[in-house]
């Protein structure tokens, strides 16, 4: 994932940014890490849901989300400052029973 955010607003409201170094890309590292993080968050923290957000142009992060079982829930238009303007944000959600 070049840049994405995995978080849970339902319990802690914290956000955690993740990214893969170039040597780890296209090797399944981000997908494996996302699955481990999701399992830990559900099992150890007892979270009810996770959210993953990324830019609409970030195909790699979207693919990681889908492989892990996240469901695309929506598009937040002009959601955040980015470079010299604003950008949209895709929102994906994951419930414990959906994790693959």
C-alpha atoms as a PDB file:
ATOM      1  CA  UNK A   1       0.000   0.000   0.000  1.00  0.00           C
ATOM      2  CA  UNK A   2       1.530   3.283  -0.942  1.00  0.00           C
ATOM      3  CA  UNK A   3      -0.543   5.192   1.556  1.00  0.00           C
ATOM      4  CA  UNK A   4      -3.683   4.157   3.354  1.00  0.00           C
ATOM      5  CA  UNK A   5      -5.210   4.449   6.754  1.00  0.00           C
ATOM      6  CA  UNK A   6      -6.639   1.677   8.858  1.00  0.00           C
ATOM      7  CA  UNK A   7      -8.640   2.721  11.867  1.00  0.00           C
ATOM      8  CA  UNK A   8     -11.572   2.112  14.122  1.00  0.00           C
ATOM      9  CA  UNK A   9     -13.722   5.021  15.105  1.00  0.00           C
ATOM     10  CA  UNK A  10     -16.140   2.778  16.993  1.00  0.00           C
ATOM     11  CA  UNK A  11     -13.937   2.209  20.019  1.00  0.00           C
ATOM     12  CA  UNK A  12     -10.819   4.345  20.136  1.00  0.00           C
ATOM     13  CA  UNK A  13     -11.128   6.947  17.417  1.00  0.00           C
ATOM     14  CA  UNK A  14      -7.415   6.400  16.640  1.00  0.00           C
ATOM     15  CA  UNK A  15      -5.945   6.260  13.167  1.00  0.00           C
ATOM     16  CA  UNK A  16      -2.906   4.341  12.007  1.00  0.00           C
ATOM     17  CA  UNK A  17      -1.210   5.023   8.666  1.00  0.00           C
ATOM     18  CA  UNK A  18       0.554   2.211   6.844  1.00  0.00           C
ATOM     19  CA  UNK A  19       2.707   1.986   3.764  1.00  0.00           C
ATOM     20  CA  UNK A  20       4.982  -0.531   2.044  1.00  0.00           C
ATOM     21  CA  UNK A  21       8.571   0.158   1.021  1.00  0.00           C
ATOM     22  CA  UNK A  22       9.286  -0.435  -2.683  1.00  0.00           C
ATOM     23  CA  UNK A  23      11.069  -3.763  -2.047  1.00  0.00           C
ATOM     24  CA  UNK A  24       7.943  -5.177  -0.371  1.00  0.00           C
ATOM     25  CA  UNK A  25       5.447  -4.189  -3.064  1.00  0.00           C
ATOM     26  CA  UNK A  26       3.653  -6.792  -5.206  1.00  0.00           C
ATOM     27  CA  UNK A  27       4.751  -9.594  -2.859  1.00  0.00           C
ATOM     28  CA  UNK A  28       1.663  -9.817  -0.620  1.00  0.00           C
ATOM     29  CA  UNK A  29       3.355  -8.082   2.306  1.00  0.00           C
ATOM     30  CA  UNK A  30       0.700  -5.361   2.709  1.00  0.00           C
ATOM     31  CA  UNK A  31      -2.150  -7.886   2.473  1.00  0.00           C
ATOM     32  CA  UNK A  32      -0.518 -10.144   5.060  1.00  0.00           C
ATOM     33  CA  UNK A  33       0.116  -7.190   7.378  1.00  0.00           C
ATOM     34  CA  UNK A  34      -3.455  -5.922   7.006  1.00  0.00           C
ATOM     35  CA  UNK A  35      -4.850  -9.362   7.850  1.00  0.00           C
ATOM     36  CA  UNK A  36      -2.613  -9.678  10.917  1.00  0.00           C
ATOM     37  CA  UNK A  37      -3.600  -6.223  12.110  1.00  0.00           C
ATOM     38  CA  UNK A  38      -7.300  -6.926  11.560  1.00  0.00           C
ATOM     39  CA  UNK A  39      -7.160 -10.269  13.411  1.00  0.00           C
ATOM     40  CA  UNK A  40      -5.359  -8.618  16.319  1.00  0.00           C
ATOM     41  CA  UNK A  41      -7.778  -5.668  16.421  1.00  0.00           C
ATOM     42  CA  UNK A  42     -10.825  -7.937  16.473  1.00  0.00           C
ATOM     43  CA  UNK A  43      -9.437 -10.601  18.858  1.00  0.00           C
ATOM     44  CA  UNK A  44      -7.349  -8.574  21.285  1.00  0.00           C
ATOM     45  CA  UNK A  45      -9.057  -5.181  21.253  1.00  0.00           C
ATOM     46  CA  UNK A  46     -12.577  -6.471  20.707  1.00  0.00           C
ATOM     47  CA  UNK A  47     -13.284  -3.931  17.974  1.00  0.00           C
ATOM     48  CA  UNK A  48     -16.595  -4.246  16.166  1.00  0.00           C
ATOM     49  CA  UNK A  49     -15.355  -2.871  12.829  1.00  0.00           C
ATOM     50  CA  UNK A  50     -12.327  -1.532  11.033  1.00  0.00           C
ATOM     51  CA  UNK A  51     -12.149   1.162   8.412  1.00  0.00           C
ATOM     52  CA  UNK A  52      -9.583   1.523   5.666  1.00  0.00           C
ATOM     53  CA  UNK A  53      -9.392   4.746   3.696  1.00  0.00           C
ATOM     54  CA  UNK A  54      -7.362   5.591   0.622  1.00  0.00           C
ATOM     55  CA  UNK A  55      -7.360   7.854  -2.387  1.00  0.00           C
ATOM     56  CA  UNK A  56      -9.534   6.825  -5.339  1.00  0.00           C
ATOM     57  CA  UNK A  57      -6.405   6.593  -7.491  1.00  0.00           C
ATOM     58  CA  UNK A  58      -4.664   4.169  -5.104  1.00  0.00           C
ATOM     59  CA  UNK A  59      -5.416   0.875  -6.839  1.00  0.00           C
ATOM     60  CA  UNK A  60      -2.893  -1.059  -4.721  1.00  0.00           C
ATOM     61  CA  UNK A  61      -4.553  -0.138  -1.411  1.00  0.00           C
ATOM     62  CA  UNK A  62      -7.992  -0.849  -2.848  1.00  0.00           C
ATOM     63  CA  UNK A  63      -6.800  -4.305  -3.946  1.00  0.00           C
ATOM     64  CA  UNK A  64      -5.397  -5.024  -0.461  1.00  0.00           C
ATOM     65  CA  UNK A  65      -8.711  -3.994   1.087  1.00  0.00           C
ATOM     66  CA  UNK A  66     -10.715  -6.269  -1.209  1.00  0.00           C
ATOM     67  CA  UNK A  67      -8.390  -9.255  -0.692  1.00  0.00           C
ATOM     68  CA  UNK A  68      -8.837  -8.914   3.082  1.00  0.00           C
ATOM     69  CA  UNK A  69     -12.626  -8.782   2.824  1.00  0.00           C
ATOM     70  CA  UNK A  70     -13.198  -5.049   3.271  1.00  0.00           C
ATOM     71  CA  UNK A  71     -16.369  -3.750   1.611  1.00  0.00           C
ATOM     72  CA  UNK A  72     -16.346  -0.435  -0.222  1.00  0.00           C
ATOM     73  CA  UNK A  73     -18.799   1.748   1.668  1.00  0.00           C
ATOM     74  CA  UNK A  74     -18.496   5.119   0.039  1.00  0.00           C
ATOM     75  CA  UNK A  75     -16.654   8.098  -1.328  1.00  0.00           C
ATOM     76  CA  UNK A  76     -15.991  11.198   0.761  1.00  0.00           C
ATOM     77  CA  UNK A  77     -15.763  14.017  -1.761  1.00  0.00           C
ATOM     78  CA  UNK A  78     -13.148  16.718  -1.240  1.00  0.00           C
ATOM     79  CA  UNK A  79     -12.411  15.040   2.083  1.00  0.00           C
ATOM     80  CA  UNK A  80      -8.887  16.180   2.837  1.00  0.00           C
ATOM     81  CA  UNK A  81      -6.128  18.560   1.896  1.00  0.00           C
ATOM     82  CA  UNK A  82      -3.696  16.999  -0.514  1.00  0.00           C
ATOM     83  CA  UNK A  83      -0.737  18.733  -2.141  1.00  0.00           C
ATOM     84  CA  UNK A  84      -2.074  22.063  -3.445  1.00  0.00           C
ATOM     85  CA  UNK A  85      -5.758  21.225  -3.260  1.00  0.00           C
ATOM     86  CA  UNK A  86      -8.199  18.696  -1.872  1.00  0.00           C
ATOM     87  CA  UNK A  87      -8.782  15.048  -2.641  1.00  0.00           C
ATOM     88  CA  UNK A  88     -11.559  12.514  -2.371  1.00  0.00           C
ATOM     89  CA  UNK A  89     -11.276   9.539  -0.022  1.00  0.00           C
ATOM     90  CA  UNK A  90     -12.662   6.025  -0.474  1.00  0.00           C
ATOM     91  CA  UNK A  91     -13.949   4.343   2.675  1.00  0.00           C
ATOM     92  CA  UNK A  92     -13.893   0.563   3.164  1.00  0.00           C
ATOM     93  CA  UNK A  93     -15.342  -1.235   6.200  1.00  0.00           C
ATOM     94  CA  UNK A  94     -14.617  -4.664   7.665  1.00  0.00           C
ATOM     95  CA  UNK A  95     -16.623  -6.622  10.228  1.00  0.00           C
ATOM     96  CA  UNK A  96     -15.061  -9.562  12.095  1.00  0.00           C
ATOM     97  CA  UNK A  97     -16.921 -12.261  10.131  1.00  0.00           C
ATOM     98  CA  UNK A  98     -15.878 -10.705   6.792  1.00  0.00           C
ATOM     99  CA  UNK A  99     -12.112 -11.033   7.305  1.00  0.00           C
ATOM    100  CA  UNK A 100     -10.503 -13.286   4.667  1.00  0.00           C
END
